[in-house]
């Protein structure tokens, strides 16, 4: 059974956090570990994480989906694949856990 990586206690979704994860998304795309569509959604999710996620109206206008479906699409795009190197799997798992926590903390 695979364990989920824990979100750091008191994790701050600030400008430094955003810059760090935007850089990781760029790296994941360069290594062909994240599609350009996946990166587009992940970047949006990262930028909105400090606010607990985007409003339903924004998601419907931009992506044509409701909030829960958008989060599902982002988490699927970031799902570790068996062909991913261990480091890539770790980065994806950590980002998935962090985004899921950020987007679900205010609901």
Foldseek 3Di string as FASTA:
>chain_A
DDDFDAAPVPDALDPVVLVVVLVVLVVCVVVVNAPPVLSVLLNQLSVCLNVLHDDQVVCCVPPVDGDVVSLVSNLVRLQDDPPDDPVSNVSSRNSNNSSVCSNPVVD
